[in-house]
Structures are given as C-alpha cells and as structure tokens.
C-alpha cells in the first residue's frame, strides 16, 4: 500500500525516517503523508526544482563520492533516522536557507552572487543525493543525473504533493 501511494524510494525513506532506534513511534498513513509532504515534496523536491529552474545550463563540478564518516557510522549502526537527519541538516536545509537568504531569483542571471549561491546549493544537493543513495537509490540517481556537469531542467516534480 505504501509503495502504491508514495513510490518505492519514498516508501523506503518514510520507513527509515519513521523508526528511530529507541522509543515508540506514531505511524500510520496520515503521518506518512505529513512527513512525505514536509520532507520530500516541500523540502527536498522543492530544492531540486528551484536549483534546476534557476541554474539550468550552469556548469558545476561534480562533488566527490566521499561519505561523511559520521553518516557512515550512523548507517553502520542502523541509526537510519539520525543518518537522514544529518543529510537534511548538513546539505538540504542549509541550501534551502541559503536560497531564502540570498533570493537568487531576484538577481540578474549573470550576477556573480547568484551564480555562486546556485553552484553551492547544487553541490550540496549532489552531496545529499550521494548520501541518500542507500535509502532512495532511484531518486538519488535522478538528482545526480540532473546535476552532472551542466544543470539540467527538471521535467516533472520528483515528489508530487499528496492530499
């Protein structure tokens, strides 16, 4: 039922994110929809959409596949919720905050500040996608392809909002 509603990668994400190593959790389709919309549609999906739209055609360097040692430790200890939190805090939330701070959509396309911020956020997205590969392999692959050398346009949203 979850795969039909959310898709394979999002279902994997929701399960990994919703079950911390200790304590009880409140799970159910309504909670999964809330988290899906908040984390995936509004946060990660919106970030990918903004970067692909604002930075289309921009050349960027491909970030390395090196994984953060703290992330690796969390994954190895099956602390998937904490590992995902690290990825969101370190790269996704940081990029969304930076975009909101600088508002590159208000700057001219050739403005060096706009270009610098968009490149920074694109590299952060590459790092996030690289780290999320074990949890969301297909979505991560799509993001990395969109951000490979030249930023490509996003044809359709990665995570359509659910009602």
Protein backbone atom coordinates (compact mmCIF):
# COMPACT_ATOMS: atom_id res chain seq x y z
CA UNK A 1 0.00 0.00 0.00
CA UNK A 2 2.85 2.41 0.85
CA UNK A 3 4.68 1.75 -2.42
CA UNK A 4 1.49 2.36 -4.41
CA UNK A 5 0.82 5.62 -2.59
CA UNK A 6 4.33 7.06 -2.27
CA UNK A 7 6.52 5.14 -4.73
CA UNK A 8 9.34 2.77 -3.82
CA UNK A 9 12.03 5.30 -2.87
CA UNK A 10 9.68 7.49 -0.84
CA UNK A 11 8.28 4.44 0.98
CA UNK A 12 11.82 3.35 1.86
CA UNK A 13 12.58 6.88 3.07
CA UNK A 14 9.44 7.06 5.20
CA UNK A 15 10.14 3.73 6.87
CA UNK A 16 13.80 4.59 7.53
CA UNK A 17 12.90 8.05 8.82
CA UNK A 18 9.99 6.97 10.99
CA UNK A 19 11.58 4.31 13.14
CA UNK A 20 14.26 5.63 15.49
CA UNK A 21 16.39 3.06 17.31
CA UNK A 22 14.70 3.69 20.62
CA UNK A 23 11.27 4.68 21.83
CA UNK A 24 7.79 4.38 20.46
CA UNK A 25 6.67 5.99 17.25
CA UNK A 26 3.37 7.19 15.90
CA UNK A 27 2.94 5.66 12.45
CA UNK A 28 0.08 5.48 10.03
CA UNK A 29 -0.76 6.61 6.53
CA UNK A 30 -1.77 10.10 7.74
CA UNK A 31 1.61 10.58 9.49
CA UNK A 32 3.46 9.19 6.47
CA UNK A 33 1.63 11.66 4.20
CA UNK A 34 2.58 14.54 6.51
CA UNK A 35 6.24 13.55 6.52
CA UNK A 36 6.21 12.87 2.77
CA UNK A 37 4.82 16.34 2.03
CA UNK A 38 7.06 18.11 4.54
CA UNK A 39 10.37 16.32 3.94
CA UNK A 40 10.18 15.16 0.36
CA UNK A 41 7.72 17.33 -1.59
CA UNK A 42 8.21 20.67 0.18
CA UNK A 43 11.85 20.34 1.23
CA UNK A 44 14.00 18.09 -0.97
CA UNK A 45 11.74 18.12 -4.03
CA UNK A 46 11.27 21.87 -3.92
CA UNK A 47 15.03 22.41 -3.56
CA UNK A 48 15.78 20.25 -6.61
CA UNK A 49 13.08 22.07 -8.57
CA UNK A 50 14.40 25.53 -7.63
CA UNK A 51 18.02 24.67 -8.42
CA UNK A 52 17.17 23.06 -11.77
CA UNK A 53 14.99 26.02 -12.77
CA UNK A 54 17.26 28.84 -11.58
CA UNK A 55 20.56 27.26 -12.59
CA UNK A 56 19.64 25.43 -15.79
CA UNK A 57 22.70 25.18 -18.04
CA UNK A 58 25.09 26.32 -15.31
CA UNK A 59 28.32 24.34 -15.27
CA UNK A 60 29.27 22.81 -11.94
CA UNK A 61 31.94 20.47 -10.72
CA UNK A 62 30.81 17.04 -9.70
CA UNK A 63 31.29 16.55 -5.97
CA UNK A 64 33.20 13.53 -4.77
CA UNK A 65 31.52 10.33 -3.68
CA UNK A 66 33.22 10.55 -0.28
CA UNK A 67 30.77 9.93 2.53
CA UNK A 68 30.76 11.82 5.80
CA UNK A 69 32.33 9.49 8.43
CA UNK A 70 29.62 10.34 10.96
CA UNK A 71 26.96 9.37 8.39
CA UNK A 72 28.74 6.07 7.67
CA UNK A 73 28.89 5.32 11.40
CA UNK A 74 25.17 6.03 11.80
CA UNK A 75 24.29 3.80 8.82
CA UNK A 76 26.55 1.01 10.07
CA UNK A 77 24.79 1.18 13.44
CA UNK A 78 21.36 1.15 11.76
CA UNK A 79 20.55 4.64 13.02
CA UNK A 80 18.86 5.46 9.73
CA UNK A 81 16.69 8.24 11.16
CA UNK A 82 19.76 10.03 12.53
CA UNK A 83 21.70 9.48 9.29
CA UNK A 84 18.87 11.05 7.29
CA UNK A 85 18.67 13.95 9.75
CA UNK A 86 22.38 14.57 9.25
CA UNK A 87 21.91 14.74 5.46
CA UNK A 88 18.97 17.12 5.72
CA UNK A 89 20.66 19.37 8.28
CA UNK A 90 24.04 19.47 6.59
CA UNK A 91 23.06 19.91 2.94
CA UNK A 92 19.33 20.17 2.18
CA UNK A 93 18.11 22.54 4.90
CA UNK A 94 21.33 24.54 4.65
CA UNK A 95 20.74 25.05 0.91
CA UNK A 96 17.08 25.98 1.30
CA UNK A 97 18.04 28.53 3.97
CA UNK A 98 20.80 29.92 1.77
CA UNK A 99 18.42 30.33 -1.17
CA UNK A 100 15.87 32.10 1.01
CA UNK A 101 18.61 34.33 2.43
CA UNK A 102 20.09 35.41 -0.90
CA UNK A 103 16.94 35.15 -3.10
CA UNK A 104 18.89 34.46 -6.32
CA UNK A 105 15.65 34.64 -8.33
CA UNK A 106 15.73 38.41 -7.67
CA UNK A 107 19.25 38.75 -9.09
CA UNK A 108 20.27 39.01 -12.72
CA UNK A 109 21.27 35.66 -14.29
CA UNK A 110 24.87 36.87 -14.70
CA UNK A 111 25.19 38.21 -11.14
CA UNK A 112 28.26 36.54 -9.54
CA UNK A 113 26.44 36.19 -6.19
CA UNK A 114 23.54 34.37 -7.86
CA UNK A 115 25.91 32.04 -9.71
CA UNK A 116 27.97 31.33 -6.59
CA UNK A 117 24.92 30.52 -4.44
CA UNK A 118 23.33 28.30 -7.09
CA UNK A 119 26.58 26.39 -7.58
CA UNK A 120 26.99 25.99 -3.81
CA UNK A 121 23.44 24.66 -3.46
CA UNK A 122 23.83 22.34 -6.46
CA UNK A 123 26.98 20.81 -4.95
CA UNK A 124 25.16 20.44 -1.62
CA UNK A 125 22.38 18.62 -3.45
CA UNK A 126 24.92 16.31 -5.07
CA UNK A 127 26.32 15.51 -1.63
CA UNK A 128 22.83 14.92 -0.22
CA UNK A 129 21.90 12.63 -3.12
CA UNK A 130 25.14 10.69 -2.75
CA UNK A 131 24.44 10.14 0.93
CA UNK A 132 20.78 9.21 0.33
CA UNK A 133 21.63 6.52 -2.26
CA UNK A 134 21.24 3.59 0.19
CA UNK A 135 17.77 4.81 1.16
CA UNK A 136 16.46 6.29 -2.09
CA UNK A 137 18.59 4.84 -4.90
CA UNK A 138 16.39 5.85 -7.86
CA UNK A 139 15.66 9.40 -6.70
CA UNK A 140 19.34 9.90 -5.81
CA UNK A 141 20.37 8.71 -9.27
CA UNK A 142 17.87 11.11 -10.89
CA UNK A 143 19.16 14.06 -8.85
CA UNK A 144 22.79 13.24 -9.64
CA UNK A 145 21.97 12.99 -13.36
CA UNK A 146 20.23 16.39 -13.25
CA UNK A 147 23.33 17.91 -11.64
CA UNK A 148 26.01 16.19 -13.70
CA UNK A 149 28.37 18.87 -15.13
CA UNK A 150 25.60 21.09 -16.58
CA UNK A 151 22.43 21.53 -14.57
CA UNK A 152 19.52 20.10 -16.49
CA UNK A 153 15.85 21.10 -16.32
CA UNK A 154 13.51 19.05 -14.19
CA UNK A 155 10.78 17.67 -16.44
CA UNK A 156 8.34 16.86 -13.65
CA UNK A 157 8.47 17.13 -9.88
CA UNK A 158 10.26 14.37 -8.00
CA UNK A 159 7.64 14.24 -5.26
CA UNK A 160 4.11 15.39 -6.13
CA UNK A 161 2.29 16.75 -3.07
CA UNK A 162 -0.30 14.42 -1.60
CA UNK A 163 -3.63 15.41 -0.12
